[in-house]
Amino acid sequence: MSKKRDQQSISVIFYADDFVILHENEEIILKAKSLVEEWLKTVGLELKSSKTKVTHTFKPFDGQKPGFDFLGFTIRQYPVRNKRGYKLIIKPSRNSVKQHTSVVKHKLREIRGAPQEAVIRDLNPIIRGWCQYYTSAVSSKIFSSMDKTMFIQLWKWAEFKHPKKGAGWIKKKYFKKYGNDNWRFMTSNGTLIIKHRDHAIKRHVKVIGSKSPYDGDWPYWENRLSKLPGKSSRVIKLLKLQQGKCNYCHLWFRSDDLAHVHHQDCNRRNNNIKNLSLLHKHCHDQLHGSMHDKHQIREKPDDGKLSSPVLKSSGER
């Protein structure tokens, strides 16, 4: 495709029922929007007005600020002094930051009377999951800002728990020195809160040339998949051990596949790597569906009960 033709082509990015249409010409964007609306009518659907807008990534448009939000990210071009005259910056959206702050706030309300170690245990997965999702974006300043907000939230939690204690007592009991950090929310036995800025930023690496997930070069895509941000060290290790394949269907994982960690002995506390397998979500559901059926047939009702015990389904087993 020539450079000129490539610049004129329209780009469509889908994720589930969300999508973005990109083009440099406003008329073409409006025409595409009209065609999408017409097609949706044929299947009894319509665009949601609150989530649909036409905007410009660099200049104000129709009374709106430049840029747009997609999948929790704000995507916008900023003016700089280079040949292009702009730089694309992708960062966590304001709404995502607000929601994350609210989740932490409500969790602390739920566990007001809990010991410090339980608070850390409940908050760490929330912080880790949110940060892993945004480590490939321009997130450093937002991570630091979130840590300041979380410090205030944790301090208020401590004040509520000990209303008659002063600031010095609270600091000594709940906030300790950890490396260069003099204010780490940490227990006396070393259990500590994860901070947002503990997560290193890993820039997104573009796909080489004309590579495609459908070109059959599975070693390349396996290696790339294991380096994508947002994946836990356990998932990355399982990807490498299984050479990028699902342990149930033995097909390759793709970057857009949902992967679940399966506990082979069904004991979620046994996280020995030998007891774990990485499966496609649909394979995991199918596996536990068959195990559920077999279990119901094999088990007899417990004494004093009218029903048989069954396996509970979950994201990880």
Protein backbone atom coordinates (compact mmCIF):
# COMPACT_ATOMS: atom_id res chain seq x y z
CA MET A 1 0.00 0.00 0.00
CA SER A 2 1.40 3.42 -0.93
CA LYS A 3 2.08 6.00 1.77
CA LYS A 4 -0.55 8.35 0.32
CA ARG A 5 -3.20 5.63 0.18
CA ASP A 6 -2.28 4.46 3.68
CA GLN A 7 -2.87 7.99 5.02
CA GLN A 8 -6.31 8.06 3.40
CA SER A 9 -7.43 4.66 4.72
CA ILE A 10 -9.84 4.43 7.62
CA SER A 11 -8.86 2.64 10.85
CA VAL A 12 -11.28 0.79 13.12
CA ILE A 13 -10.28 -0.54 16.55
CA PHE A 14 -12.66 -2.96 18.29
CA TYR A 15 -12.78 -4.33 21.83
CA ALA A 16 -15.96 -6.24 22.74
CA ASP A 17 -18.79 -3.80 21.96
CA ASP A 18 -16.57 -0.70 22.11
CA PHE A 19 -14.88 0.67 19.02
CA VAL A 20 -13.10 3.72 17.63
CA ILE A 21 -13.04 4.91 14.01
CA LEU A 22 -10.03 7.01 12.99
CA HIS A 23 -9.52 9.19 9.94
CA GLU A 24 -8.02 12.62 9.24
CA ASN A 25 -11.08 13.80 7.28
CA GLU A 26 -14.16 14.91 9.26
CA GLU A 27 -16.54 14.19 6.37
CA ILE A 28 -15.39 10.58 6.14
CA ILE A 29 -15.79 10.14 9.90
CA LEU A 30 -19.36 11.47 9.77
CA LYS A 31 -20.13 9.23 6.79
CA ALA A 32 -18.72 6.21 8.65
CA LYS A 33 -20.85 7.08 11.70
CA SER A 34 -23.94 7.25 9.50
CA LEU A 35 -23.16 3.87 7.90
CA VAL A 36 -22.62 2.27 11.32
CA GLU A 37 -25.97 3.63 12.56
CA GLU A 38 -27.74 2.30 9.47
CA TRP A 39 -26.21 -1.15 9.87
CA LEU A 40 -27.01 -1.32 13.59
CA LYS A 41 -30.67 -0.62 12.82
CA THR A 42 -30.81 -3.81 10.74
CA VAL A 43 -29.96 -5.85 13.85
CA GLY A 44 -32.14 -3.83 16.23
CA LEU A 45 -29.32 -1.89 17.86
CA GLU A 46 -28.19 1.73 18.04
CA LEU A 47 -25.18 3.75 19.14
CA LYS A 48 -25.29 4.88 22.76
CA SER A 49 -25.36 8.68 22.63
CA SER A 50 -23.51 9.10 25.95
CA LYS A 51 -20.57 7.06 24.64
CA THR A 52 -20.54 8.33 21.05
CA LYS A 53 -18.80 11.50 19.94
CA VAL A 54 -16.85 12.95 17.04
CA THR A 55 -13.68 14.67 18.21
CA HIS A 56 -10.17 15.72 17.18
CA THR A 57 -7.07 14.33 18.89
CA PHE A 58 -5.06 17.57 18.55
CA LYS A 59 -7.40 20.55 18.28
CA PRO A 60 -10.60 21.56 20.12
CA PHE A 61 -13.60 20.40 18.12
CA ASP A 62 -17.27 21.35 18.40
CA GLY A 63 -16.75 22.82 21.88
CA GLN A 64 -14.88 19.73 23.12
CA LYS A 65 -11.33 19.41 24.36
CA PRO A 66 -8.92 17.44 22.14
CA GLY A 67 -8.63 13.68 22.59
CA PHE A 68 -10.94 10.85 23.58
CA ASP A 69 -11.27 8.09 26.18
CA PHE A 70 -11.14 4.43 25.24
CA LEU A 71 -10.92 1.38 27.54
CA GLY A 72 -9.90 3.51 30.51
CA PHE A 73 -7.23 5.49 28.65
CA THR A 74 -7.20 9.11 27.48
CA ILE A 75 -5.68 9.38 24.01
CA ARG A 76 -4.57 12.84 22.93
CA GLN A 77 -1.94 14.63 20.84
CA TYR A 78 0.02 17.51 22.40
CA PRO A 79 1.96 20.25 20.58
CA VAL A 80 5.76 19.86 20.55
CA ARG A 81 8.62 21.29 18.51
CA ASN A 82 9.42 18.50 16.09
CA LYS A 83 8.76 17.70 12.44
CA ARG A 84 5.23 16.52 13.11
CA GLY A 85 4.40 19.30 15.52
CA TYR A 86 2.66 16.99 17.98
CA LYS A 87 3.26 14.06 20.30
CA LEU A 88 0.75 11.32 21.09
CA ILE A 89 0.30 10.71 24.81
CA ILE A 90 -1.82 7.89 26.23
CA LYS A 91 -2.53 7.96 29.96
CA PRO A 92 -5.12 6.71 32.49
CA SER A 93 -8.40 8.56 32.06
CA ARG A 94 -9.79 10.83 34.77
CA ASN A 95 -12.80 8.57 35.12
CA SER A 96 -10.58 5.53 35.66
CA VAL A 97 -8.55 7.37 38.32
CA LYS A 98 -11.78 8.47 40.02
CA GLN A 99 -13.20 4.93 39.98
CA HIS A 100 -9.97 3.45 41.37
CA THR A 101 -9.91 6.01 44.19
CA SER A 102 -13.53 5.17 44.96
CA VAL A 103 -12.85 1.42 45.03
CA VAL A 104 -10.02 1.88 47.57
CA LYS A 105 -12.18 4.26 49.63
CA HIS A 106 -15.12 1.84 49.82
CA LYS A 107 -12.85 -1.10 50.61
CA LEU A 108 -11.35 0.80 53.56
CA ARG A 109 -14.87 1.57 54.79
CA GLU A 110 -15.75 -2.13 54.64
CA ILE A 111 -12.72 -3.09 56.76
CA ARG A 112 -12.59 -0.19 59.22
CA GLY A 113 -12.16 -2.47 62.19
CA ALA A 114 -9.78 -4.95 60.54
CA PRO A 115 -6.14 -5.33 61.60
CA GLN A 116 -3.48 -3.61 59.50
CA GLU A 117 -2.27 -6.83 57.87
CA ALA A 118 -5.80 -7.64 56.64
CA VAL A 119 -6.10 -4.15 55.16
CA ILE A 120 -2.83 -4.63 53.27
CA ARG A 121 -3.92 -8.07 52.09
CA ASP A 122 -7.19 -6.67 50.71
CA LEU A 123 -5.76 -3.55 49.08
CA ASN A 124 -2.63 -4.96 47.43
CA PRO A 125 -4.45 -6.96 44.70
CA ILE A 126 -6.58 -3.90 43.87
CA ILE A 127 -3.53 -1.64 43.53
CA ARG A 128 -1.46 -4.23 41.67
CA GLY A 129 -4.19 -5.04 39.15
CA TRP A 130 -4.92 -1.38 38.39
CA CYS A 131 -1.25 -0.48 37.98
CA GLN A 132 -0.42 -3.47 35.79
CA TYR A 133 -3.13 -2.36 33.37
CA TYR A 134 -1.55 1.08 33.00
CA THR A 135 2.20 0.34 33.12
CA SER A 136 2.51 0.69 29.33
CA ALA A 137 0.98 4.19 29.36
CA VAL A 138 2.27 7.59 30.51
CA SER A 139 1.35 6.92 34.13
CA SER A 140 4.25 7.98 36.39
CA LYS A 141 2.75 11.29 37.55
CA ILE A 142 -0.67 9.73 38.03
CA PHE A 143 0.85 6.84 40.03
CA SER A 144 2.55 9.36 42.34
CA SER A 145 -0.68 11.32 42.70
CA MET A 146 -2.59 8.14 43.53
CA ASP A 147 -0.06 7.32 46.27
CA LYS A 148 -0.65 10.73 47.87
CA THR A 149 -4.40 10.14 47.77
CA MET A 150 -4.02 6.64 49.20
CA PHE A 151 -1.81 7.94 52.03
CA ILE A 152 -4.61 10.32 53.07
CA GLN A 153 -7.13 7.47 52.89
CA LEU A 154 -4.95 5.17 55.03
CA TRP A 155 -4.30 7.94 57.55
CA LYS A 156 -8.04 8.55 57.92
CA TRP A 157 -8.53 4.79 58.37
CA ALA A 158 -6.00 4.83 61.23
CA GLU A 159 -7.59 7.92 62.83
CA PHE A 160 -11.00 6.25 62.75
CA LYS A 161 -9.55 3.11 64.32
CA HIS A 162 -7.78 5.09 67.07
CA PRO A 163 -9.75 8.32 67.64
CA LYS A 164 -7.96 9.12 70.92
CA LYS A 165 -4.42 8.73 69.58
CA GLY A 166 -2.25 11.52 68.21
CA ALA A 167 -0.45 11.82 64.89
CA GLY A 168 2.91 10.75 66.35
CA TRP A 169 1.46 7.53 67.74
CA ILE A 170 -0.32 6.70 64.46
CA LYS A 171 2.84 7.35 62.45
CA LYS A 172 4.95 5.11 64.70
CA LYS A 173 2.41 2.26 64.70
CA TYR A 174 1.37 2.17 61.05
CA PHE A 175 3.95 3.98 58.91
CA LYS A 176 7.55 2.79 58.87
CA LYS A 177 10.77 3.31 56.97
CA TYR A 178 11.20 1.08 53.92
CA GLY A 179 14.28 1.84 51.84
CA ASN A 180 14.10 5.54 50.97
CA ASP A 181 10.44 5.68 51.91
CA ASN A 182 9.82 6.97 55.45
CA TRP A 183 6.05 6.63 55.22
CA ARG A 184 5.34 3.07 54.11
CA PHE A 185 2.10 1.59 55.49
CA MET A 186 3.71 -1.49 57.02
CA THR A 187 3.32 -3.95 59.89
CA SER A 188 6.01 -4.73 62.45
CA ASN A 189 6.61 -8.12 60.79
CA GLY A 190 7.35 -6.52 57.39
CA THR A 191 4.01 -6.91 55.59
CA LEU A 192 3.65 -3.75 53.52
CA ILE A 193 1.29 -1.96 51.18
CA ILE A 194 2.19 -1.87 47.49
CA LYS A 195 2.51 1.66 46.20
CA HIS A 196 1.46 2.68 42.72
CA ARG A 197 4.89 4.06 41.90
CA ASP A 198 6.47 0.69 42.78
CA HIS A 199 5.34 -0.41 39.32
CA ALA A 200 7.87 0.41 36.63
CA ILE A 201 6.62 1.89 33.37
CA LYS A 202 7.16 -0.48 30.44
CA ARG A 203 6.68 1.22 27.12
CA HIS A 204 4.62 -0.53 24.46
CA VAL A 205 6.78 -2.14 21.76
CA LYS A 206 5.34 -1.94 18.26
CA VAL A 207 4.82 -5.10 16.22
CA ILE A 208 7.67 -5.67 13.77
CA GLY A 209 6.95 -4.68 10.18
CA SER A 210 3.98 -6.50 8.71
CA LYS A 211 3.78 -9.24 11.37
CA SER A 212 0.30 -10.65 12.01
CA PRO A 213 -1.08 -13.03 14.67
CA TYR A 214 -2.28 -15.13 11.75
CA ASP A 215 1.09 -15.43 9.96
CA GLY A 216 2.02 -18.69 11.71
CA ASP A 217 5.13 -17.29 13.43
CA TRP A 218 4.03 -18.56 16.84
CA PRO A 219 7.48 -18.32 18.54
CA TYR A 220 7.52 -14.56 17.83
CA TRP A 221 4.00 -14.06 19.20
CA GLU A 222 4.67 -16.32 22.20
CA ASN A 223 7.71 -14.23 23.10
CA ARG A 224 5.79 -10.98 22.59
CA LEU A 225 2.81 -12.21 24.60
CA SER A 226 5.02 -13.05 27.60
CA LYS A 227 6.33 -9.46 27.65
CA LEU A 228 3.00 -7.66 27.47
CA PRO A 229 2.31 -5.46 30.52
CA GLY A 230 -0.61 -6.24 32.78
CA LYS A 231 0.30 -9.91 33.22
CA SER A 232 1.42 -11.31 36.56
CA SER A 233 4.81 -12.99 36.92
CA ARG A 234 2.97 -16.28 37.46
CA VAL A 235 1.10 -16.02 34.15
CA ILE A 236 4.30 -15.06 32.32
CA LYS A 237 6.13 -18.05 33.82
CA LEU A 238 3.31 -20.42 32.81
CA LEU A 239 3.29 -18.99 29.28
CA LYS A 240 6.98 -19.79 28.95
CA LEU A 241 6.67 -23.26 30.51
CA GLN A 242 3.77 -24.11 28.19
CA GLN A 243 5.51 -22.50 25.21
CA GLY A 244 2.60 -20.14 24.65
CA LYS A 245 -0.03 -22.90 24.40
CA CYS A 246 -3.19 -23.67 26.38
CA ASN A 247 -2.77 -26.85 28.45
CA TYR A 248 -6.32 -27.96 27.62
CA CYS A 249 -6.80 -27.46 23.87
CA HIS A 250 -3.06 -27.13 23.09
CA LEU A 251 -3.71 -24.14 20.82
CA TRP A 252 -1.68 -20.93 21.00
CA PHE A 253 -2.69 -18.00 23.16
CA ARG A 254 -3.27 -14.75 21.30
CA SER A 255 -2.85 -11.27 22.75
CA ASP A 256 -6.63 -10.75 22.97
CA ASP A 257 -7.35 -14.15 24.59
CA LEU A 258 -8.56 -14.29 28.19
CA ALA A 259 -6.33 -16.65 30.18
CA HIS A 260 -7.17 -18.30 33.50
CA VAL A 261 -4.84 -20.02 35.96
CA HIS A 262 -6.15 -23.51 36.74
CA HIS A 263 -5.31 -25.35 39.98
CA GLN A 264 -5.04 -29.00 38.98
CA ASP A 265 -5.92 -30.34 42.43
CA CYS A 266 -8.74 -27.75 42.78
CA ASN A 267 -7.02 -26.38 45.90
CA ARG A 268 -6.64 -22.65 45.32
CA ARG A 269 -4.17 -22.40 48.21
CA ASN A 270 -1.73 -24.75 46.50
CA ASN A 271 0.11 -22.31 44.23
CA ASN A 272 3.07 -24.57 43.53
CA ILE A 273 3.94 -23.99 39.87
CA LYS A 274 3.68 -27.76 39.22
CA ASN A 275 0.03 -27.61 40.31
CA LEU A 276 -0.84 -24.76 37.94
CA SER A 277 -1.87 -24.66 34.29
CA LEU A 278 -2.70 -21.73 32.06
CA LEU A 279 -5.91 -22.20 30.07
CA HIS A 280 -8.10 -20.19 27.74
CA LYS A 281 -11.10 -18.86 29.69
CA HIS A 282 -13.52 -20.91 27.59
CA CYS A 283 -11.34 -24.01 28.05
CA HIS A 284 -11.29 -23.40 31.80
CA ASP A 285 -15.08 -23.09 31.85
CA GLN A 286 -15.42 -26.27 29.79
CA LEU A 287 -13.01 -28.17 32.04
CA HIS A 288 -14.83 -27.20 35.21
CA GLY A 289 -18.17 -27.88 33.56
CA SER A 290 -17.15 -31.47 32.88
CA MET A 291 -15.66 -31.82 36.38
CA HIS A 292 -18.88 -30.45 37.85
CA ASP A 293 -20.97 -33.04 35.98
CA LYS A 294 -18.71 -35.93 36.98
CA HIS A 295 -18.67 -34.75 40.58
CA GLN A 296 -22.45 -34.66 40.77
CA ILE A 297 -22.74 -38.18 39.40
CA ARG A 298 -20.03 -39.58 41.65
CA GLU A 299 -21.03 -37.96 44.93
CA LYS A 300 -23.78 -39.26 47.15
CA PRO A 301 -25.84 -36.88 49.28
CA ASP A 302 -24.21 -36.05 52.61
CA ASP A 303 -25.87 -37.34 55.73
CA GLY A 304 -28.63 -35.00 56.79
CA LYS A 305 -28.62 -33.12 53.46
CA LEU A 306 -30.97 -33.27 50.53
CA SER A 307 -28.34 -32.21 47.96
CA SER A 308 -24.91 -33.36 46.87
CA PRO A 309 -21.79 -31.19 47.26
CA VAL A 310 -20.74 -29.50 44.03
CA LEU A 311 -17.66 -27.67 42.88
CA LYS A 312 -17.83 -23.89 42.89
CA SER A 313 -16.76 -22.16 39.70
CA SER A 314 -14.28 -19.30 39.81
CA GLY A 315 -11.77 -17.38 37.73
CA GLU A 316 -8.85 -19.38 39.13
CA ARG A 317 -8.81 -23.01 40.18
